[in-house]
Amino acid sequence: MKHKNPIISSFSETVTLLGGGDLTDETVSDLLTRAPNLVVCDGAATGALAMGVMPDAVIGDMDSLDAETRARLNPGRVHELTDQDTTDFDKALRSIRAPLILGAGFMGQRLDHELACYNALVRHPDVCCILVGGHDICFHLPARRRLFMDLKIGSRVSLFPMAELDVHTDGMEWSFERLTLAPWGRVGTSNIARGRVVVEADRDGLLVILPRAALDDAITALRAL
């Protein structure tokens, strides 16, 4: 079921979005320098306040937002969405309008939660979002959008399909004019950048996974789409 709700937080600049997974002061500070608007999912508000930052918005079903934290928040910034068949990350993606979202606290802890986040990325192809973990970053490449990335030579580039699709790649150790990928078939992990990397898919569903150090390169590439 695809839920619809009005945009409840609209920003002209990039947004940092925090989830309930592992977060460090360094990561949050690093993202806020690139994305100054802060939105948190549900109970992640507790961690944000502990780091001394006040969210511009809190989005979720509020099942993990404790009463003490909620009392410290402006009630107008708390947006409770009560449906139980979507994650708080999904709720945030469909509720935020911004040119780019940088999400932390969604990778590297519970595998089921992490997989649900990747599912949400491809379910909202109109939302430009990069998930940032301790080692990797991941984003969804919308259909028929040619992505150009100026990565460091030798940088790891992985393409993982969430649907059967055809991809065009260039500038990598193993590049293809047309290659069919599928979750149950061939995937494109552990490739290597050898020049300016080009990626295009014929339909929605392609996840691009890069080292954390390539975050700024990914931001530049997605802004140019």
N, C-alpha and C. Protein backbone atom coordinates (compact mmCIF):
# COMPACT_ATOMS: atom_id res chain seq x y z
N MET A 1 0.84 -1.19 0.00
CA MET A 1 0.00 0.00 0.00
C MET A 1 0.87 1.24 0.00
N LYS A 2 0.59 2.18 -0.89
CA LYS A 2 1.36 3.42 -0.94
C LYS A 2 0.57 4.51 -0.26
N HIS A 3 1.13 5.06 0.80
CA HIS A 3 0.46 6.09 1.57
C HIS A 3 0.78 7.46 0.99
N LYS A 4 -0.19 8.34 1.09
CA LYS A 4 0.01 9.71 0.66
C LYS A 4 -0.34 10.62 1.82
N ASN A 5 0.45 11.65 2.01
CA ASN A 5 0.12 12.67 2.98
C ASN A 5 0.76 13.96 2.52
N PRO A 6 0.23 15.10 2.97
CA PRO A 6 0.77 16.37 2.51
C PRO A 6 2.20 16.56 2.96
N ILE A 7 2.96 17.36 2.20
CA ILE A 7 4.29 17.76 2.62
C ILE A 7 4.16 18.57 3.90
N ILE A 8 4.84 18.12 4.96
CA ILE A 8 4.70 18.83 6.23
C ILE A 8 5.95 19.62 6.60
N SER A 9 7.03 19.38 5.88
CA SER A 9 8.25 20.15 6.11
C SER A 9 8.89 20.45 4.75
N SER A 10 8.98 21.72 4.41
CA SER A 10 9.52 22.12 3.12
C SER A 10 10.75 23.00 3.35
N PHE A 11 11.85 22.68 2.67
CA PHE A 11 13.10 23.40 2.86
C PHE A 11 13.68 23.76 1.51
N SER A 12 14.28 24.93 1.42
CA SER A 12 14.94 25.34 0.18
C SER A 12 16.37 24.82 0.12
N GLU A 13 16.92 24.42 1.30
CA GLU A 13 18.28 23.90 1.36
C GLU A 13 18.26 22.43 1.76
N THR A 14 19.42 21.81 1.68
CA THR A 14 19.57 20.40 1.97
C THR A 14 19.22 20.09 3.43
N VAL A 15 18.70 18.87 3.65
CA VAL A 15 18.23 18.44 4.97
C VAL A 15 19.10 17.30 5.50
N THR A 16 19.45 17.36 6.78
CA THR A 16 20.01 16.22 7.49
C THR A 16 18.85 15.50 8.17
N LEU A 17 18.75 14.19 7.93
CA LEU A 17 17.67 13.37 8.50
C LEU A 17 18.31 12.30 9.38
N LEU A 18 17.91 12.22 10.64
CA LEU A 18 18.49 11.27 11.58
C LEU A 18 17.49 10.18 11.94
N GLY A 19 18.00 8.94 11.97
CA GLY A 19 17.20 7.79 12.39
C GLY A 19 17.66 7.28 13.74
N GLY A 20 17.09 6.18 14.16
CA GLY A 20 17.33 5.65 15.50
C GLY A 20 18.53 4.75 15.64
N GLY A 21 19.34 4.59 14.59
CA GLY A 21 20.52 3.74 14.67
C GLY A 21 21.70 4.45 15.30
N ASP A 22 22.88 3.85 15.12
CA ASP A 22 24.09 4.42 15.70
C ASP A 22 24.40 5.79 15.10
N LEU A 23 24.62 6.77 15.97
CA LEU A 23 24.97 8.11 15.54
C LEU A 23 26.10 8.63 16.42
N THR A 24 27.01 9.35 15.82
CA THR A 24 28.07 9.99 16.59
C THR A 24 27.99 11.50 16.41
N ASP A 25 28.51 12.23 17.38
CA ASP A 25 28.55 13.69 17.26
C ASP A 25 29.28 14.10 15.99
N GLU A 26 30.34 13.36 15.66
CA GLU A 26 31.14 13.70 14.48
C GLU A 26 30.31 13.57 13.20
N THR A 27 29.54 12.47 13.09
CA THR A 27 28.72 12.28 11.89
C THR A 27 27.66 13.35 11.77
N VAL A 28 26.97 13.62 12.86
CA VAL A 28 25.90 14.62 12.81
C VAL A 28 26.47 16.00 12.47
N SER A 29 27.58 16.36 13.09
CA SER A 29 28.21 17.65 12.80
C SER A 29 28.66 17.71 11.34
N ASP A 30 29.22 16.60 10.86
CA ASP A 30 29.70 16.53 9.48
C ASP A 30 28.56 16.76 8.49
N LEU A 31 27.42 16.11 8.76
CA LEU A 31 26.28 16.26 7.84
C LEU A 31 25.65 17.64 7.94
N LEU A 32 25.57 18.18 9.14
CA LEU A 32 24.94 19.49 9.31
C LEU A 32 25.74 20.60 8.62
N THR A 33 27.05 20.42 8.44
CA THR A 33 27.82 21.41 7.70
C THR A 33 27.42 21.42 6.23
N ARG A 34 26.94 20.27 5.73
CA ARG A 34 26.51 20.16 4.34
C ARG A 34 25.01 20.38 4.18
N ALA A 35 24.26 20.03 5.22
CA ALA A 35 22.80 20.07 5.16
C ALA A 35 22.29 20.68 6.47
N PRO A 36 22.10 21.99 6.53
CA PRO A 36 21.89 22.68 7.80
C PRO A 36 20.52 22.50 8.44
N ASN A 37 19.54 22.02 7.69
CA ASN A 37 18.21 21.81 8.26
C ASN A 37 18.14 20.40 8.87
N LEU A 38 17.65 20.28 10.10
CA LEU A 38 17.64 19.01 10.80
C LEU A 38 16.23 18.49 11.00
N VAL A 39 15.99 17.28 10.48
CA VAL A 39 14.74 16.55 10.71
C VAL A 39 15.12 15.21 11.32
N VAL A 40 14.35 14.75 12.30
CA VAL A 40 14.65 13.47 12.94
C VAL A 40 13.42 12.57 12.88
N CYS A 41 13.68 11.28 12.89
CA CYS A 41 12.62 10.29 12.94
C CYS A 41 12.37 9.88 14.38
N ASP A 42 11.21 10.24 14.88
CA ASP A 42 10.72 9.69 16.15
C ASP A 42 11.74 9.83 17.28
N GLY A 43 12.16 8.70 17.85
CA GLY A 43 13.03 8.71 19.03
C GLY A 43 14.43 9.24 18.80
N ALA A 44 14.83 9.46 17.55
CA ALA A 44 16.14 10.06 17.28
C ALA A 44 16.23 11.47 17.83
N ALA A 45 15.08 12.05 18.18
CA ALA A 45 15.08 13.38 18.79
C ALA A 45 15.87 13.39 20.10
N THR A 46 15.83 12.28 20.83
CA THR A 46 16.55 12.21 22.11
C THR A 46 18.05 12.38 21.88
N GLY A 47 18.60 11.67 20.89
CA GLY A 47 20.01 11.79 20.58
C GLY A 47 20.38 13.16 20.08
N ALA A 48 19.51 13.75 19.27
CA ALA A 48 19.79 15.08 18.74
C ALA A 48 19.88 16.11 19.87
N LEU A 49 18.95 16.06 20.80
CA LEU A 49 18.98 17.01 21.92
C LEU A 49 20.21 16.78 22.79
N ALA A 50 20.61 15.52 22.96
CA ALA A 50 21.80 15.22 23.75
C ALA A 50 23.06 15.79 23.11
N MET A 51 23.03 15.93 21.77
CA MET A 51 24.16 16.52 21.05
C MET A 51 24.08 18.04 20.99
N GLY A 52 23.01 18.60 21.54
CA GLY A 52 22.87 20.04 21.59
C GLY A 52 22.27 20.66 20.35
N VAL A 53 21.57 19.85 19.53
CA VAL A 53 20.93 20.39 18.33
C VAL A 53 19.42 20.18 18.43
N MET A 54 18.66 21.20 18.05
CA MET A 54 17.21 21.16 18.11
C MET A 54 16.65 20.85 16.72
N PRO A 55 15.85 19.80 16.58
CA PRO A 55 15.28 19.47 15.27
C PRO A 55 14.31 20.53 14.78
N ASP A 56 14.34 20.75 13.46
CA ASP A 56 13.33 21.60 12.83
C ASP A 56 12.00 20.86 12.71
N ALA A 57 12.06 19.52 12.69
CA ALA A 57 10.84 18.72 12.62
C ALA A 57 11.15 17.33 13.14
N VAL A 58 10.14 16.71 13.77
CA VAL A 58 10.20 15.32 14.21
C VAL A 58 9.06 14.59 13.53
N ILE A 59 9.37 13.50 12.82
CA ILE A 59 8.37 12.79 12.02
C ILE A 59 8.37 11.32 12.39
N GLY A 60 7.19 10.73 12.53
CA GLY A 60 7.10 9.30 12.80
C GLY A 60 5.82 8.96 13.52
N ASP A 61 5.74 7.69 13.94
CA ASP A 61 4.53 7.28 14.68
C ASP A 61 4.68 7.55 16.17
N MET A 62 5.84 8.01 16.60
CA MET A 62 6.14 8.44 17.97
C MET A 62 6.10 7.31 18.99
N ASP A 63 6.29 6.08 18.52
CA ASP A 63 6.27 4.96 19.47
C ASP A 63 7.57 4.86 20.26
N SER A 64 8.62 5.57 19.84
CA SER A 64 9.87 5.53 20.59
C SER A 64 10.31 6.91 21.08
N LEU A 65 9.40 7.86 21.03
CA LEU A 65 9.69 9.21 21.54
C LEU A 65 9.21 9.28 22.99
N ASP A 66 10.15 9.36 23.93
CA ASP A 66 9.77 9.35 25.34
C ASP A 66 9.17 10.70 25.74
N ALA A 67 8.41 10.66 26.81
CA ALA A 67 7.66 11.84 27.25
C ALA A 67 8.59 12.99 27.63
N GLU A 68 9.73 12.69 28.24
CA GLU A 68 10.65 13.75 28.65
C GLU A 68 11.20 14.49 27.43
N THR A 69 11.58 13.74 26.40
CA THR A 69 12.08 14.38 25.18
C THR A 69 10.98 15.18 24.51
N ARG A 70 9.79 14.60 24.42
CA ARG A 70 8.69 15.30 23.75
C ARG A 70 8.37 16.61 24.44
N ALA A 71 8.48 16.64 25.75
CA ALA A 71 8.18 17.87 26.49
C ALA A 71 9.18 18.99 26.18
N ARG A 72 10.37 18.63 25.70
CA ARG A 72 11.39 19.64 25.37
C ARG A 72 11.25 20.17 23.94
N LEU A 73 10.35 19.57 23.17
CA LEU A 73 10.18 19.95 21.77
C LEU A 73 9.02 20.91 21.60
N ASN A 74 9.13 21.78 20.62
CA ASN A 74 8.00 22.63 20.23
C ASN A 74 6.92 21.73 19.64
N PRO A 75 5.70 21.73 20.22
CA PRO A 75 4.65 20.84 19.72
C PRO A 75 4.38 21.01 18.23
N GLY A 76 4.60 22.22 17.70
CA GLY A 76 4.38 22.46 16.29
C GLY A 76 5.39 21.79 15.39
N ARG A 77 6.49 21.30 15.98
CA ARG A 77 7.52 20.62 15.20
C ARG A 77 7.35 19.10 15.21
N VAL A 78 6.43 18.60 15.98
CA VAL A 78 6.22 17.16 16.11
C VAL A 78 5.06 16.75 15.21
N HIS A 79 5.35 15.90 14.24
CA HIS A 79 4.36 15.48 13.24
C HIS A 79 4.13 13.98 13.36
N GLU A 80 3.03 13.62 13.98
CA GLU A 80 2.72 12.22 14.26
C GLU A 80 1.91 11.60 13.12
N LEU A 81 2.47 10.56 12.50
CA LEU A 81 1.80 9.81 11.44
C LEU A 81 1.59 8.40 11.97
N THR A 82 0.35 8.02 12.12
CA THR A 82 0.04 6.85 12.95
C THR A 82 0.00 5.51 12.22
N ASP A 83 0.09 5.50 10.88
CA ASP A 83 0.00 4.22 10.20
C ASP A 83 1.16 3.32 10.63
N GLN A 84 0.88 2.02 10.75
CA GLN A 84 1.85 1.06 11.25
C GLN A 84 2.43 0.16 10.17
N ASP A 85 2.09 0.39 8.91
CA ASP A 85 2.62 -0.48 7.85
C ASP A 85 3.70 0.21 7.02
N THR A 86 4.21 1.35 7.49
CA THR A 86 5.40 1.97 6.89
C THR A 86 6.36 2.36 8.00
N THR A 87 7.64 2.43 7.67
CA THR A 87 8.65 2.81 8.65
C THR A 87 8.67 4.33 8.83
N ASP A 88 9.33 4.75 9.90
CA ASP A 88 9.48 6.19 10.12
C ASP A 88 10.30 6.83 9.01
N PHE A 89 11.28 6.09 8.48
CA PHE A 89 12.07 6.61 7.36
C PHE A 89 11.18 6.85 6.15
N ASP A 90 10.31 5.90 5.84
CA ASP A 90 9.38 6.05 4.73
C ASP A 90 8.47 7.26 4.96
N LYS A 91 7.98 7.40 6.18
CA LYS A 91 7.12 8.54 6.52
C LYS A 91 7.86 9.86 6.27
N ALA A 92 9.14 9.88 6.65
CA ALA A 92 9.93 11.11 6.47
C ALA A 92 10.12 11.42 4.99
N LEU A 93 10.45 10.41 4.19
CA LEU A 93 10.68 10.65 2.77
C LEU A 93 9.44 11.22 2.08
N ARG A 94 8.28 10.75 2.47
CA ARG A 94 7.07 11.24 1.80
C ARG A 94 6.54 12.53 2.42
N SER A 95 7.18 13.00 3.48
CA SER A 95 6.70 14.19 4.17
C SER A 95 7.60 15.41 4.03
N ILE A 96 8.82 15.20 3.51
CA ILE A 96 9.80 16.28 3.40
C ILE A 96 9.96 16.69 1.95
N ARG A 97 9.98 17.96 1.70
CA ARG A 97 10.36 18.48 0.39
C ARG A 97 11.67 19.26 0.57
N ALA A 98 12.73 18.78 -0.12
CA ALA A 98 14.04 19.42 -0.04
C ALA A 98 14.82 19.02 -1.28
N PRO A 99 15.80 19.83 -1.70
CA PRO A 99 16.58 19.48 -2.88
C PRO A 99 17.42 18.22 -2.67
N LEU A 100 17.81 17.93 -1.43
CA LEU A 100 18.61 16.74 -1.12
C LEU A 100 18.49 16.44 0.36
N ILE A 101 18.42 15.14 0.69
CA ILE A 101 18.38 14.69 2.07
C ILE A 101 19.60 13.82 2.33
N LEU A 102 20.31 14.09 3.43
CA LEU A 102 21.40 13.25 3.88
C LEU A 102 20.94 12.53 5.14
N GLY A 103 20.84 11.21 5.06
CA GLY A 103 20.28 10.44 6.16
C GLY A 103 21.33 9.64 6.91
N ALA A 104 21.36 9.75 8.23
CA ALA A 104 22.27 8.97 9.07
C ALA A 104 21.46 8.29 10.17
N GLY A 105 22.00 7.15 10.65
CA GLY A 105 21.27 6.38 11.65
C GLY A 105 20.32 5.38 11.04
N PHE A 106 20.55 5.05 9.77
CA PHE A 106 19.68 4.11 9.07
C PHE A 106 20.45 2.88 8.55
N MET A 107 21.77 2.90 8.64
CA MET A 107 22.60 1.82 8.13
C MET A 107 23.46 1.25 9.26
N GLY A 108 23.77 -0.05 9.16
CA GLY A 108 24.79 -0.63 10.01
C GLY A 108 24.36 -1.14 11.36
N GLN A 109 23.06 -1.21 11.63
CA GLN A 109 22.63 -1.78 12.90
C GLN A 109 21.73 -2.97 12.60
N ARG A 110 20.44 -2.89 12.81
CA ARG A 110 19.55 -4.02 12.52
C ARG A 110 19.38 -4.19 11.01
N LEU A 111 19.63 -5.40 10.52
CA LEU A 111 19.59 -5.65 9.08
C LEU A 111 18.18 -5.47 8.53
N ASP A 112 17.15 -5.90 9.26
CA ASP A 112 15.79 -5.75 8.75
C ASP A 112 15.42 -4.29 8.59
N HIS A 113 15.84 -3.46 9.55
CA HIS A 113 15.57 -2.03 9.44
C HIS A 113 16.32 -1.42 8.26
N GLU A 114 17.56 -1.86 8.07
CA GLU A 114 18.37 -1.33 6.98
C GLU A 114 17.76 -1.69 5.62
N LEU A 115 17.34 -2.94 5.47
CA LEU A 115 16.72 -3.36 4.21
C LEU A 115 15.43 -2.58 3.94
N ALA A 116 14.67 -2.31 5.00
CA ALA A 116 13.43 -1.53 4.83
C ALA A 116 13.75 -0.12 4.34
N CYS A 117 14.88 0.43 4.76
CA CYS A 117 15.28 1.76 4.29
C CYS A 117 15.62 1.74 2.81
N TYR A 118 16.30 0.69 2.34
CA TYR A 118 16.61 0.59 0.91
C TYR A 118 15.32 0.44 0.11
N ASN A 119 14.38 -0.32 0.66
CA ASN A 119 13.07 -0.45 0.02
C ASN A 119 12.39 0.91 -0.11
N ALA A 120 12.47 1.72 0.94
CA ALA A 120 11.84 3.05 0.91
C ALA A 120 12.52 3.96 -0.11
N LEU A 121 13.84 3.84 -0.25
CA LEU A 121 14.53 4.67 -1.24
C LEU A 121 13.97 4.46 -2.64
N VAL A 122 13.76 3.20 -3.02
CA VAL A 122 13.29 2.94 -4.39
C VAL A 122 11.79 3.17 -4.52
N ARG A 123 11.06 3.17 -3.41
CA ARG A 123 9.63 3.46 -3.47
C ARG A 123 9.35 4.94 -3.64
N HIS A 124 10.36 5.76 -3.39
CA HIS A 124 10.19 7.21 -3.52
C HIS A 124 11.26 7.75 -4.46
N PRO A 125 11.20 7.39 -5.74
CA PRO A 125 12.26 7.79 -6.68
C PRO A 125 12.32 9.29 -6.93
N ASP A 126 11.27 10.01 -6.55
CA ASP A 126 11.26 11.45 -6.73
C ASP A 126 11.99 12.19 -5.61
N VAL A 127 12.40 11.47 -4.57
CA VAL A 127 13.10 12.08 -3.44
C VAL A 127 14.59 11.78 -3.57
N CYS A 128 15.39 12.82 -3.53
CA CYS A 128 16.84 12.68 -3.65
C CYS A 128 17.42 12.53 -2.24
N CYS A 129 17.90 11.34 -1.91
CA CYS A 129 18.35 11.04 -0.56
C CYS A 129 19.59 10.16 -0.60
N ILE A 130 20.60 10.52 0.18
CA ILE A 130 21.80 9.70 0.35
C ILE A 130 21.84 9.20 1.78
N LEU A 131 21.89 7.89 1.96
CA LEU A 131 22.07 7.32 3.29
C LEU A 131 23.57 7.25 3.58
N VAL A 132 23.95 7.69 4.77
CA VAL A 132 25.36 7.78 5.15
C VAL A 132 25.61 6.87 6.34
N GLY A 133 26.50 5.89 6.16
CA GLY A 133 26.86 4.98 7.23
C GLY A 133 28.30 5.20 7.67
N GLY A 134 28.78 4.31 8.53
CA GLY A 134 30.14 4.45 9.02
C GLY A 134 31.18 4.19 7.95
N HIS A 135 30.88 3.30 7.00
CA HIS A 135 31.84 2.95 5.95
C HIS A 135 31.35 3.29 4.55
N ASP A 136 30.04 3.27 4.34
CA ASP A 136 29.49 3.41 3.00
C ASP A 136 28.42 4.48 2.95
N ILE A 137 28.12 4.89 1.72
CA ILE A 137 26.93 5.69 1.44
C ILE A 137 26.12 4.95 0.39
N CYS A 138 24.83 5.22 0.34
CA CYS A 138 23.96 4.54 -0.62
C CYS A 138 22.86 5.49 -1.05
N PHE A 139 22.55 5.48 -2.36
CA PHE A 139 21.44 6.28 -2.86
C PHE A 139 20.79 5.56 -4.04
N HIS A 140 19.58 5.97 -4.36
CA HIS A 140 18.83 5.39 -5.47
C HIS A 140 19.01 6.27 -6.71
N LEU A 141 19.28 5.61 -7.83
CA LEU A 141 19.39 6.33 -9.10
C LEU A 141 18.07 6.18 -9.86
N PRO A 142 17.34 7.27 -10.07
CA PRO A 142 16.06 7.17 -10.78
C PRO A 142 16.25 6.72 -12.23
N ALA A 143 15.18 6.19 -12.79
CA ALA A 143 15.21 5.65 -14.15
C ALA A 143 15.58 6.72 -15.17
N ARG A 144 16.42 6.30 -16.14
CA ARG A 144 16.76 7.10 -17.33
C ARG A 144 17.37 8.45 -16.96
N ARG A 145 18.11 8.47 -15.86
CA ARG A 145 18.88 9.66 -15.48
C ARG A 145 20.36 9.28 -15.51
N ARG A 146 21.12 9.90 -16.37
CA ARG A 146 22.53 9.56 -16.53
C ARG A 146 23.35 10.25 -15.44
N LEU A 147 23.99 9.44 -14.61
CA LEU A 147 24.76 9.93 -13.48
C LEU A 147 26.24 9.99 -13.84
N PHE A 148 26.86 11.15 -13.63
CA PHE A 148 28.29 11.33 -13.88
C PHE A 148 28.98 11.60 -12.53
N MET A 149 29.95 10.75 -12.18
CA MET A 149 30.63 10.90 -10.89
C MET A 149 32.13 10.97 -11.11
N ASP A 150 32.74 12.03 -10.59
CA ASP A 150 34.19 12.19 -10.63
C ASP A 150 34.78 11.62 -9.35
N LEU A 151 35.02 10.31 -9.35
CA LEU A 151 35.51 9.62 -8.18
C LEU A 151 37.03 9.46 -8.23
N LYS A 152 37.61 9.23 -7.07
CA LYS A 152 39.03 8.95 -6.99
C LYS A 152 39.32 7.65 -7.74
N ILE A 153 40.38 7.63 -8.55
CA ILE A 153 40.77 6.43 -9.28
C ILE A 153 41.02 5.29 -8.27
N GLY A 154 40.43 4.14 -8.54
CA GLY A 154 40.55 3.01 -7.64
C GLY A 154 39.44 2.92 -6.61
N SER A 155 38.55 3.91 -6.59
CA SER A 155 37.46 3.91 -5.63
C SER A 155 36.48 2.78 -5.93
N ARG A 156 35.95 2.17 -4.89
CA ARG A 156 34.97 1.09 -5.05
C ARG A 156 33.63 1.67 -5.49
N VAL A 157 33.00 1.01 -6.46
CA VAL A 157 31.67 1.38 -6.94
C VAL A 157 30.82 0.12 -7.01
N SER A 158 29.71 0.10 -6.30
CA SER A 158 28.82 -1.06 -6.33
C SER A 158 27.43 -0.63 -6.77
N LEU A 159 26.86 -1.45 -7.63
CA LEU A 159 25.49 -1.23 -8.11
C LEU A 159 24.66 -2.44 -7.69
N PHE A 160 23.61 -2.19 -6.93
CA PHE A 160 22.76 -3.30 -6.49
C PHE A 160 21.33 -3.07 -6.96
N PRO A 161 20.76 -4.01 -7.73
CA PRO A 161 19.41 -3.84 -8.25
C PRO A 161 18.35 -4.30 -7.25
N MET A 162 17.33 -3.50 -7.08
CA MET A 162 16.17 -3.90 -6.28
C MET A 162 15.03 -4.35 -7.18
N ALA A 163 15.27 -4.39 -8.49
CA ALA A 163 14.34 -4.88 -9.49
C ALA A 163 15.17 -5.33 -10.68
N GLU A 164 14.57 -6.07 -11.59
CA GLU A 164 15.28 -6.42 -12.81
C GLU A 164 15.36 -5.18 -13.70
N LEU A 165 16.57 -4.84 -14.14
CA LEU A 165 16.75 -3.63 -14.93
C LEU A 165 18.00 -3.75 -15.77
N ASP A 166 18.09 -2.89 -16.78
CA ASP A 166 19.28 -2.82 -17.64
C ASP A 166 20.07 -1.58 -17.29
N VAL A 167 21.40 -1.73 -17.19
CA VAL A 167 22.24 -0.59 -16.86
C VAL A 167 23.28 -0.36 -17.94
N HIS A 168 23.64 0.91 -18.09
CA HIS A 168 24.78 1.32 -18.92
C HIS A 168 25.81 1.89 -17.97
N THR A 169 27.06 1.45 -18.10
CA THR A 169 28.13 1.96 -17.24
C THR A 169 29.35 2.30 -18.09
N ASP A 170 30.13 3.24 -17.59
CA ASP A 170 31.39 3.60 -18.24
C ASP A 170 32.33 4.12 -17.16
N GLY A 171 33.64 4.07 -17.44
CA GLY A 171 34.62 4.61 -16.52
C GLY A 171 34.98 3.70 -15.37
N MET A 172 34.63 2.39 -15.47
CA MET A 172 34.94 1.45 -14.41
C MET A 172 35.75 0.28 -14.96
N GLU A 173 36.35 -0.48 -14.06
CA GLU A 173 37.15 -1.63 -14.45
C GLU A 173 36.35 -2.56 -15.36
N TRP A 174 35.09 -2.78 -14.99
CA TRP A 174 34.18 -3.60 -15.81
C TRP A 174 32.99 -2.73 -16.19
N SER A 175 33.00 -2.22 -17.40
CA SER A 175 31.94 -1.35 -17.90
C SER A 175 31.17 -2.05 -19.01
N PHE A 176 29.90 -1.69 -19.17
CA PHE A 176 29.04 -2.36 -20.12
C PHE A 176 28.12 -1.35 -20.79
N GLU A 177 27.92 -1.54 -22.09
CA GLU A 177 26.95 -0.72 -22.80
C GLU A 177 25.54 -1.05 -22.33
N ARG A 178 25.30 -2.34 -22.10
CA ARG A 178 23.99 -2.77 -21.59
C ARG A 178 24.17 -4.08 -20.85
N LEU A 179 23.75 -4.09 -19.59
CA LEU A 179 23.88 -5.28 -18.76
C LEU A 179 22.62 -5.41 -17.91
N THR A 180 22.03 -6.60 -17.90
CA THR A 180 20.83 -6.85 -17.11
C THR A 180 21.23 -7.28 -15.70
N LEU A 181 20.69 -6.57 -14.71
CA LEU A 181 20.90 -6.90 -13.31
C LEU A 181 19.56 -7.25 -12.67
N ALA A 182 19.60 -8.06 -11.63
CA ALA A 182 18.38 -8.42 -10.91
C ALA A 182 18.76 -8.90 -9.51
N PRO A 183 17.87 -8.74 -8.51
CA PRO A 183 18.18 -9.21 -7.16
C PRO A 183 18.42 -10.71 -7.11
N TRP A 184 17.76 -11.45 -7.99
CA TRP A 184 17.88 -12.91 -8.04
C TRP A 184 18.88 -13.38 -9.09
N GLY A 185 19.53 -12.43 -9.75
CA GLY A 185 20.46 -12.77 -10.82
C GLY A 185 21.77 -12.05 -10.64
N ARG A 186 22.26 -11.48 -11.71
CA ARG A 186 23.55 -10.79 -11.68
C ARG A 186 23.42 -9.45 -10.97
N VAL A 187 24.41 -9.12 -10.14
CA VAL A 187 24.47 -7.82 -9.49
C VAL A 187 25.80 -7.17 -9.85
N GLY A 188 25.95 -5.89 -9.51
CA GLY A 188 27.13 -5.15 -9.96
C GLY A 188 27.98 -4.64 -8.82
N THR A 189 28.25 -5.48 -7.82
CA THR A 189 29.01 -5.03 -6.67
C THR A 189 30.52 -5.11 -6.91
N SER A 190 31.25 -4.34 -6.12
CA SER A 190 32.72 -4.38 -6.06
C SER A 190 33.41 -4.06 -7.38
N ASN A 191 32.88 -3.08 -8.11
CA ASN A 191 33.57 -2.58 -9.29
C ASN A 191 34.56 -1.49 -8.85
N ILE A 192 35.35 -0.98 -9.79
CA ILE A 192 36.41 -0.04 -9.45
C ILE A 192 36.41 1.12 -10.44
N ALA A 193 36.46 2.34 -9.91
CA ALA A 193 36.49 3.53 -10.76
C ALA A 193 37.84 3.64 -11.44
N ARG A 194 37.81 3.86 -12.78
CA ARG A 194 39.03 4.04 -13.56
C ARG A 194 39.06 5.38 -14.29
N GLY A 195 38.06 6.20 -14.08
CA GLY A 195 37.96 7.49 -14.73
C GLY A 195 36.66 8.12 -14.30
N ARG A 196 36.12 8.99 -15.12
CA ARG A 196 34.80 9.56 -14.79
C ARG A 196 33.76 8.47 -14.94
N VAL A 197 33.08 8.15 -13.85
CA VAL A 197 32.12 7.05 -13.83
C VAL A 197 30.76 7.53 -14.33
N VAL A 198 30.18 6.74 -15.23
CA VAL A 198 28.85 7.02 -15.78
C VAL A 198 27.95 5.82 -15.50
N VAL A 199 26.75 6.09 -14.99
CA VAL A 199 25.78 5.02 -14.71
C VAL A 199 24.40 5.49 -15.14
N GLU A 200 23.66 4.61 -15.79
CA GLU A 200 22.27 4.89 -16.15
C GLU A 200 21.50 3.59 -16.13
N ALA A 201 20.28 3.62 -15.59
CA ALA A 201 19.40 2.45 -15.56
C ALA A 201 18.12 2.76 -16.32
N ASP A 202 17.52 1.71 -16.91
CA ASP A 202 16.33 1.93 -17.73
C ASP A 202 15.04 1.98 -16.92
N ARG A 203 15.13 1.67 -15.61
CA ARG A 203 13.94 1.75 -14.76
C ARG A 203 14.39 2.03 -13.32
N ASP A 204 13.43 2.42 -12.49
CA ASP A 204 13.74 2.65 -11.08
C ASP A 204 14.16 1.35 -10.41
N GLY A 205 14.99 1.47 -9.37
CA GLY A 205 15.35 0.29 -8.59
C GLY A 205 16.84 0.06 -8.42
N LEU A 206 17.70 0.94 -8.95
CA LEU A 206 19.14 0.72 -8.86
C LEU A 206 19.72 1.51 -7.68
N LEU A 207 20.36 0.79 -6.75
CA LEU A 207 21.06 1.42 -5.65
C LEU A 207 22.54 1.56 -6.00
N VAL A 208 23.09 2.73 -5.74
CA VAL A 208 24.52 3.00 -5.94
C VAL A 208 25.17 3.07 -4.56
N ILE A 209 26.21 2.26 -4.35
CA ILE A 209 26.88 2.17 -3.06
C ILE A 209 28.35 2.57 -3.25
N LEU A 210 28.79 3.54 -2.45
CA LEU A 210 30.14 4.08 -2.56
C LEU A 210 30.78 4.17 -1.17
N PRO A 211 32.10 4.32 -1.11
CA PRO A 211 32.73 4.56 0.19
C PRO A 211 32.27 5.88 0.79
N ARG A 212 32.29 5.96 2.10
CA ARG A 212 31.88 7.18 2.81
C ARG A 212 32.67 8.40 2.32
N ALA A 213 33.94 8.18 1.97
CA ALA A 213 34.79 9.29 1.52
C ALA A 213 34.29 9.93 0.23
N ALA A 214 33.39 9.26 -0.48
CA ALA A 214 32.89 9.78 -1.76
C ALA A 214 31.61 10.60 -1.58
N LEU A 215 31.26 10.96 -0.35
CA LEU A 215 29.99 11.66 -0.11
C LEU A 215 29.89 12.96 -0.91
N ASP A 216 30.91 13.78 -0.87
CA ASP A 216 30.83 15.06 -1.59
C ASP A 216 30.75 14.84 -3.10
N ASP A 217 31.44 13.81 -3.60
CA ASP A 217 31.35 13.48 -5.04
C ASP A 217 29.92 13.07 -5.40
N ALA A 218 29.29 12.30 -4.53
CA ALA A 218 27.92 11.86 -4.78
C ALA A 218 26.95 13.05 -4.73
N ILE A 219 27.13 13.94 -3.78
CA ILE A 219 26.27 15.13 -3.69
C ILE A 219 26.37 15.95 -4.97
N THR A 220 27.59 16.18 -5.44
CA THR A 220 27.78 16.95 -6.66
C THR A 220 27.11 16.28 -7.84
N ALA A 221 27.24 14.95 -7.95
CA ALA A 221 26.67 14.22 -9.07
C ALA A 221 25.15 14.26 -9.05
N LEU A 222 24.56 14.08 -7.88
CA LEU A 222 23.10 14.07 -7.79
C LEU A 222 22.51 15.45 -8.02
N ARG A 223 23.19 16.48 -7.61
CA ARG A 223 22.69 17.83 -7.85
C ARG A 223 22.69 18.17 -9.34
N ALA A 224 23.53 17.49 -10.10
CA ALA A 224 23.61 17.77 -11.53
C ALA A 224 22.59 16.98 -12.35
N LEU A 225 21.87 16.05 -11.72
CA LEU A 225 20.89 15.25 -12.47
C LEU A 225 19.74 16.12 -13.00
